[in-house]
Structures are given as C-alpha cells and as structure tokens.
Amino acid sequence: MSREHISASSLRGYLWISPAAAMLILVLALPMIYSLKASFTASSLLSPGSEQDFVGWSNYWQTLTDPEYRMAVVTTVAYAILAVSIELVLGTFVALMLNETFFLTPVLRSAWIVPMVVTPAIVGLFWILLYDETHGIFNYALVKLGFSPVPWLDVNHAFTSIVIMDVWQSTPFFALVMLAGLQSRNEEILEAARVDGASPLQCFYYLTISHLMPYMLIASSFRIIAAMGDFDKIYMLTAGGPGLVTTTLSIQTYKVGFNTFDIGRTAAMAWLFLLIVLIISGPLICYLGKTSDAER
C-alpha cells in the first residue's frame, strides 16, 4: 500500500471521528479547563467579577486543612474499598452458581441484574423504606424473629447501611463480569487437571482464580472509581448524615458549592477528588496493564 493511500485513509478516519472529538472537547475539555482556572481564583456566584481575583493555591490549601474535608476523604476511601471488596467476593460466588446449568439458570441470570439497572436515586428511596425504624421491612423481620429493631440510619449504623445498599446494587456488576470470565475459560485444561488428580480446591485456586484475575482487576477498577463518586443514592438515603458519618467527597463538594456558592473552592475540591481517584485506582490499572503485556 502506497504512502499516499495510507495518508488518505488516515485523513478519512480523522474526518469520521472529528464530530465526536468536537463534542468531547465542548462537553468535557472546555469545562475542565474552566474549572481548573476557577480553582485558582476567588470566583463566587455571590460576587460578580470575583472570577478575576487570582488567589493561587489558597483554595487547595483551605480545602486540605478543612477537618470536614479530611473526614470526607476517609469516609469515601473506606466506603469504596469496603463495598468493592464485599462485591468482588459475593459477585464471584454468584457467578460460580450462575455458571452451572439447570432449568432456572436463564431466569436467575436475568433477575440478578435488575438491581444494577435501577436509577441510583430510586435505590436511595427504596432503601429508605427498607431501613425505616418503625415500618421498615428489615425491622419488621427482626421483631418477628424475636430481636430488637435496629436504628439503621443513626450515627452508629448509617455507614454500614450505605455499604449494604451499594453491595445490593453493584454485586450484579461483578457477577456479570465474572460470569463472562468463567464462560471464556478453557474447560479442557480443567478436565486435564482433574484427570491428573487435582482436587476441586486446587482447580479453583490455580486455574479458575488465576483465569479470573484480569476480570477482577477490571471490574474492581471501574467500581472503585464509581463508588468514590457515588452521590445520588447516598444523598437520598442520608444526605451525608447523621452529622458527617456518611458525607463522602461528592456530597461534601455539593454542600460547599450549593451552600456557599464558592466556585473557586468547589473547583479545587473537584480537582483534588480527581487526584485521589487516580491515586486509589492507578495501581490497579497499572498492574492490569503489566499483566496484559506479560500475557502477550
């Protein structure tokens, strides 16, 4: 193929993707550039013209020294790691069950993904009904079993409650990814291992888990990023309370932005949030990339 033909093909390809690229620039790049610029100014909706007041790193320093922000960081990281770890274990276990073939398998596979497709705000409203201390289903069941009702949304239980809610909604995502991984494995290798005398536990640990590892890393990376950005369902359920127990970074940023209208500091909090997400998810993504290169 001639160089001229290659150049013409490349130009044609660039022309095809140019509308999508232009849309991404308008929707993503320009707002990000504006927010980065605003994070170094005293921009406020209550003070016209304040976007011209350059304050340097003041917004970032004010945010990092804020005790409420530091607590929100701890809450967000703990919420993401705990919820994703539980979802990974449960999702793998469910995928192993759904990988077995019996007459209800298609129905169970379809029913299992329902929580994953429910709108987060609706999930929050749904779990308010479940957690209601007086009329909630959970406490009704506990009372019928002879236990005392639990104040699910008080200061001692609220964090656990939002983790349970996220596990319910997001475990199907892990199960779906793990199921795809299980159905892509080479059954002949498993059969050969069994013939050679490998126990079910050895087959599971050395063959199934090792095969699923890239799928686990991919799913965990996506879910950690998504969990750290959770807002809708947590806000609908607890609004970040009681106190600051369930105030995550996204809720803290929302409160600062809509309570004080301080655009500069809100933009700084958003960029710090991006940095924290990269620090948490970056090692997983890098390890996944190294694993893919080694397999090639």
Protein backbone atom coordinates (compact mmCIF):
# COMPACT_ATOMS: atom_id res chain seq x y z
CA MET A 1 0.00 0.00 0.00
CA SER A 2 1.42 3.39 -1.02
CA ARG A 3 2.22 6.16 1.43
CA GLU A 4 -0.27 8.45 -0.33
CA HIS A 5 -3.03 5.88 0.09
CA ILE A 6 -2.22 5.47 3.78
CA SER A 7 -2.33 9.24 4.27
CA ALA A 8 -5.68 9.48 2.51
CA SER A 9 -7.09 6.68 4.67
CA SER A 10 -5.81 8.35 7.83
CA LEU A 11 -7.32 11.67 6.81
CA ARG A 12 -10.64 9.99 6.11
CA GLY A 13 -10.55 8.34 9.53
CA TYR A 14 -9.84 11.67 11.25
CA LEU A 15 -12.77 13.23 9.38
CA TRP A 16 -15.09 10.48 10.57
CA ILE A 17 -14.16 10.92 14.23
CA SER A 18 -13.98 14.73 14.13
CA PRO A 19 -17.68 15.29 15.12
CA ALA A 20 -17.27 13.03 18.18
CA ALA A 21 -13.95 14.68 19.06
CA ALA A 22 -15.50 18.14 18.78
CA MET A 23 -18.38 17.08 21.03
CA LEU A 24 -15.95 15.73 23.65
CA ILE A 25 -13.99 18.98 23.57
CA LEU A 26 -17.16 21.03 24.07
CA VAL A 27 -18.68 18.80 26.74
CA LEU A 28 -15.56 17.71 28.66
CA ALA A 29 -12.37 19.55 27.81
CA LEU A 30 -13.63 23.16 27.92
CA PRO A 31 -15.50 22.77 31.25
CA MET A 32 -12.43 21.07 32.77
CA ILE A 33 -10.17 23.89 31.62
CA TYR A 34 -12.62 26.45 33.02
CA SER A 35 -12.86 24.63 36.37
CA LEU A 36 -9.06 24.37 36.61
CA LYS A 37 -8.77 28.10 36.01
CA ALA A 38 -11.57 28.82 38.51
CA SER A 39 -9.82 26.75 41.19
CA PHE A 40 -7.05 29.37 41.34
CA THR A 41 -9.43 32.31 41.70
CA ALA A 42 -11.85 33.67 44.30
CA SER A 43 -14.74 33.04 41.93
CA SER A 44 -18.12 33.19 43.70
CA LEU A 45 -21.67 33.39 42.41
CA LEU A 46 -22.37 35.96 45.13
CA SER A 47 -19.61 38.32 43.96
CA PRO A 48 -19.79 39.34 40.30
CA GLY A 49 -16.32 39.85 38.84
CA SER A 50 -14.63 37.73 41.52
CA GLU A 51 -13.50 35.23 38.89
CA GLN A 52 -10.77 37.72 38.01
CA ASP A 53 -9.26 37.63 41.53
CA PHE A 54 -6.30 35.24 41.38
CA VAL A 55 -5.62 33.56 44.75
CA GLY A 56 -3.06 30.92 43.74
CA TRP A 57 -3.14 27.72 45.80
CA SER A 58 -5.32 29.24 48.52
CA ASN A 59 -8.42 27.23 47.62
CA TYR A 60 -6.47 23.98 47.65
CA TRP A 61 -4.77 24.78 50.96
CA GLN A 62 -8.08 25.80 52.55
CA THR A 63 -9.64 22.54 51.40
CA LEU A 64 -6.78 20.32 52.57
CA THR A 65 -6.73 21.93 56.02
CA ASP A 66 -10.50 21.61 56.47
CA PRO A 67 -11.25 18.85 59.06
CA GLU A 68 -14.60 18.11 57.42
CA TYR A 69 -12.91 17.55 54.06
CA ARG A 70 -10.31 15.21 55.58
CA MET A 71 -13.08 13.24 57.25
CA ALA A 72 -14.91 13.03 53.92
CA VAL A 73 -11.75 11.62 52.31
CA VAL A 74 -11.51 8.89 54.96
CA THR A 75 -15.22 8.08 54.64
CA THR A 76 -15.05 7.92 50.84
CA VAL A 77 -11.99 5.67 50.72
CA ALA A 78 -13.34 3.37 53.44
CA TYR A 79 -16.73 3.18 51.71
CA ALA A 80 -15.24 2.41 48.30
CA ILE A 81 -12.73 -0.21 49.48
CA LEU A 82 -15.13 -1.99 51.84
CA ALA A 83 -18.06 -2.05 49.42
CA VAL A 84 -15.98 -3.13 46.40
CA SER A 85 -14.22 -5.88 48.39
CA ILE A 86 -17.53 -7.37 49.51
CA GLU A 87 -18.99 -7.05 46.00
CA LEU A 88 -15.97 -8.80 44.49
CA VAL A 89 -16.29 -11.81 46.80
CA LEU A 90 -20.08 -12.07 46.52
CA GLY A 91 -20.06 -11.42 42.78
CA THR A 92 -17.53 -14.21 42.17
CA PHE A 93 -19.55 -16.61 44.31
CA VAL A 94 -22.79 -15.76 42.49
CA ALA A 95 -21.07 -16.09 39.10
CA LEU A 96 -19.91 -19.60 40.04
CA MET A 97 -23.52 -20.53 40.84
CA LEU A 98 -24.96 -18.92 37.71
CA ASN A 99 -22.34 -20.68 35.59
CA GLU A 100 -23.95 -24.00 36.44
CA THR A 101 -26.64 -25.13 34.01
CA PHE A 102 -30.10 -26.05 35.26
CA PHE A 103 -33.62 -25.22 34.21
CA LEU A 104 -33.86 -21.89 36.12
CA THR A 105 -30.47 -20.55 35.02
CA PRO A 106 -31.77 -18.14 32.31
CA VAL A 107 -34.40 -16.71 34.69
CA LEU A 108 -31.92 -16.24 37.53
CA ARG A 109 -29.37 -14.58 35.26
CA SER A 110 -31.97 -12.09 34.06
CA ALA A 111 -33.39 -11.41 37.52
CA TRP A 112 -29.96 -10.97 39.09
CA ILE A 113 -29.04 -7.90 37.05
CA VAL A 114 -32.21 -5.95 37.96
CA PRO A 115 -30.62 -4.01 40.90
CA MET A 116 -27.78 -2.90 38.64
CA VAL A 117 -30.08 -1.10 36.21
CA VAL A 118 -32.22 0.73 38.79
CA THR A 119 -31.65 4.50 38.91
CA PRO A 120 -29.42 5.39 41.92
CA ALA A 121 -31.88 7.98 43.25
CA ILE A 122 -34.65 5.37 43.20
CA VAL A 123 -32.32 2.96 45.01
CA GLY A 124 -31.91 5.53 47.79
CA LEU A 125 -35.68 6.00 48.12
CA PHE A 126 -36.23 2.23 48.04
CA TRP A 127 -33.77 1.62 50.86
CA ILE A 128 -35.30 4.37 52.98
CA LEU A 129 -38.42 2.19 53.10
CA LEU A 130 -36.37 -0.89 53.99
CA TYR A 131 -34.43 0.90 56.74
CA ASP A 132 -37.37 2.73 58.35
CA GLU A 133 -37.07 2.08 62.07
CA THR A 134 -40.82 1.80 62.67
CA HIS A 135 -42.32 0.43 59.46
CA GLY A 136 -39.29 -0.89 57.57
CA ILE A 137 -39.19 -4.46 56.30
CA PHE A 138 -35.85 -5.20 57.97
CA ASN A 139 -37.01 -4.24 61.46
CA TYR A 140 -40.33 -5.99 60.90
CA ALA A 141 -38.46 -9.22 60.15
CA LEU A 142 -36.15 -8.74 63.15
CA VAL A 143 -39.09 -8.22 65.51
CA LYS A 144 -40.85 -11.31 64.14
CA LEU A 145 -37.66 -13.31 64.80
CA GLY A 146 -37.54 -12.06 68.38
CA PHE A 147 -34.85 -9.40 68.02
CA SER A 148 -34.96 -5.69 68.83
CA PRO A 149 -35.40 -3.22 65.95
CA VAL A 150 -32.19 -1.62 64.69
CA PRO A 151 -31.90 2.15 64.05
CA TRP A 152 -30.30 1.61 60.65
CA LEU A 153 -29.73 5.29 59.90
CA ASP A 154 -28.40 6.50 63.24
CA VAL A 155 -24.82 7.58 63.84
CA ASN A 156 -23.66 4.04 64.69
CA HIS A 157 -25.22 2.21 61.75
CA ALA A 158 -25.54 4.70 58.87
CA PHE A 159 -22.15 3.95 57.31
CA THR A 160 -22.82 0.21 57.36
CA SER A 161 -26.24 0.86 55.86
CA ILE A 162 -24.88 2.73 52.82
CA VAL A 163 -22.33 -0.06 52.27
CA ILE A 164 -25.11 -2.68 52.33
CA MET A 165 -27.14 -0.59 49.88
CA ASP A 166 -24.22 -0.33 47.45
CA VAL A 167 -23.44 -4.05 47.76
CA TRP A 168 -27.03 -4.85 46.83
CA GLN A 169 -26.93 -2.66 43.73
CA SER A 170 -23.39 -3.34 42.46
CA THR A 171 -22.74 -7.02 43.21
CA PRO A 172 -24.60 -7.98 39.98
CA PHE A 173 -21.98 -6.00 38.02
CA PHE A 174 -19.19 -8.16 39.43
CA ALA A 175 -21.27 -11.30 38.91
CA LEU A 176 -21.83 -10.37 35.26
CA VAL A 177 -18.13 -9.73 34.62
CA MET A 178 -17.04 -12.87 36.49
CA LEU A 179 -19.63 -14.95 34.63
CA ALA A 180 -18.21 -13.73 31.31
CA GLY A 181 -14.75 -14.73 32.54
CA LEU A 182 -15.90 -18.19 33.61
CA GLN A 183 -17.52 -18.85 30.26
CA SER A 184 -14.33 -17.88 28.43
CA ARG A 185 -12.04 -20.31 30.27
CA ASN A 186 -10.70 -23.44 28.60
CA GLU A 187 -12.62 -26.38 30.03
CA GLU A 188 -10.12 -28.84 28.55
CA ILE A 189 -7.42 -27.55 30.89
CA LEU A 190 -9.73 -28.05 33.88
CA GLU A 191 -10.58 -31.56 32.74
CA ALA A 192 -6.90 -32.39 32.27
CA ALA A 193 -6.14 -31.12 35.78
CA ARG A 194 -8.90 -33.32 37.24
CA VAL A 195 -7.59 -36.34 35.36
CA ASP A 196 -4.11 -35.67 36.76
CA GLY A 197 -5.53 -35.79 40.29
CA ALA A 198 -6.02 -32.12 41.14
CA SER A 199 -8.60 -31.53 43.87
CA PRO A 200 -11.57 -29.18 43.32
CA LEU A 201 -9.92 -26.66 45.63
CA GLN A 202 -6.66 -26.77 43.65
CA CYS A 203 -8.55 -26.39 40.36
CA PHE A 204 -10.43 -23.41 41.76
CA TYR A 205 -7.35 -21.67 43.18
CA TYR A 206 -4.75 -22.35 40.49
CA LEU A 207 -6.95 -22.37 37.38
CA THR A 208 -10.24 -20.55 37.97
CA ILE A 209 -8.98 -17.69 40.17
CA SER A 210 -5.85 -17.14 38.04
CA HIS A 211 -8.03 -17.01 34.92
CA LEU A 212 -10.45 -14.56 36.55
CA MET A 213 -7.76 -12.24 37.91
CA PRO A 214 -7.77 -9.80 34.93
CA TYR A 215 -11.58 -9.67 35.09
CA MET A 216 -11.41 -8.96 38.82
CA LEU A 217 -8.95 -6.13 38.29
CA ILE A 218 -11.00 -4.55 35.52
CA ALA A 219 -14.25 -4.76 37.48
CA SER A 220 -12.61 -3.52 40.69
CA SER A 221 -11.05 -0.54 38.90
CA PHE A 222 -14.38 0.52 37.40
CA ARG A 223 -16.26 0.01 40.64
CA ILE A 224 -13.75 1.85 42.87
CA ILE A 225 -13.94 4.88 40.58
CA ALA A 226 -17.75 4.70 40.52
CA ALA A 227 -18.09 4.09 44.27
CA MET A 228 -15.88 7.06 45.14
CA GLY A 229 -18.15 9.23 43.02
CA ASP A 230 -21.43 7.90 44.44
CA PHE A 231 -23.79 10.74 45.24
CA ASP A 232 -27.43 10.12 44.30
CA LYS A 233 -28.33 7.15 46.42
CA ILE A 234 -26.30 8.21 49.47
CA TYR A 235 -27.75 11.72 49.39
CA MET A 236 -31.29 10.39 49.01
CA LEU A 237 -30.79 7.98 51.92
CA THR A 238 -28.87 10.04 54.47
CA ALA A 239 -27.96 13.42 52.86
CA GLY A 240 -24.48 12.79 54.28
CA GLY A 241 -25.70 12.46 57.85
CA PRO A 242 -26.22 11.99 60.65
CA GLY A 243 -23.53 14.58 61.23
CA LEU A 244 -20.70 13.73 58.84
CA VAL A 245 -20.87 9.94 59.16
CA THR A 246 -21.84 9.33 55.52
CA THR A 247 -20.51 12.55 53.99
CA THR A 248 -18.43 11.44 51.04
CA LEU A 249 -16.28 13.69 48.85
CA SER A 250 -19.04 14.17 46.29
CA ILE A 251 -21.55 15.17 48.97
CA GLN A 252 -19.03 17.46 50.67
CA THR A 253 -18.29 19.15 47.35
CA TYR A 254 -22.03 19.55 46.71
CA LYS A 255 -22.57 21.11 50.14
CA VAL A 256 -19.76 23.63 49.67
CA GLY A 257 -20.89 24.51 46.17
CA PHE A 258 -24.58 24.98 46.93
CA ASN A 259 -24.32 26.35 50.47
CA THR A 260 -21.60 28.94 49.94
CA PHE A 261 -21.64 29.31 46.11
CA ASP A 262 -17.84 29.43 46.33
CA ILE A 263 -16.99 28.28 42.79
CA GLY A 264 -13.24 28.59 43.29
CA ARG A 265 -13.08 26.30 46.29
CA THR A 266 -15.63 23.89 44.80
CA ALA A 267 -13.50 23.57 41.65
CA ALA A 268 -10.41 22.95 43.79
CA MET A 269 -12.27 20.19 45.67
CA ALA A 270 -13.27 18.59 42.37
CA TRP A 271 -9.66 18.52 41.13
CA LEU A 272 -8.43 17.12 44.44
CA PHE A 273 -11.12 14.45 44.13
CA LEU A 274 -9.79 13.54 40.68
CA LEU A 275 -6.28 13.25 42.12
CA ILE A 276 -7.47 10.99 44.94
CA VAL A 277 -9.33 8.73 42.50
CA LEU A 278 -6.19 8.42 40.36
CA ILE A 279 -4.08 7.57 43.42
CA ILE A 280 -6.53 4.86 44.54
CA SER A 281 -7.33 3.30 41.14
CA GLY A 282 -3.99 3.97 39.41
CA PRO A 283 -2.09 0.99 40.88
CA LEU A 284 -4.85 -1.41 39.84
CA ILE A 285 -4.87 -0.08 36.29
CA CYS A 286 -1.06 -0.17 36.04
CA TYR A 287 -0.95 -3.73 37.36
CA LEU A 288 -3.62 -4.73 34.86
CA GLY A 289 -1.59 -3.21 32.04
CA LYS A 290 1.54 -5.09 33.12
CA THR A 291 -0.44 -8.34 33.33
CA SER A 292 -1.83 -7.84 29.81
CA ASP A 293 1.67 -7.15 28.43
CA ALA A 294 3.05 -10.27 30.13
CA GLU A 295 0.29 -12.43 28.64
CA ARG A 296 1.10 -11.14 25.16
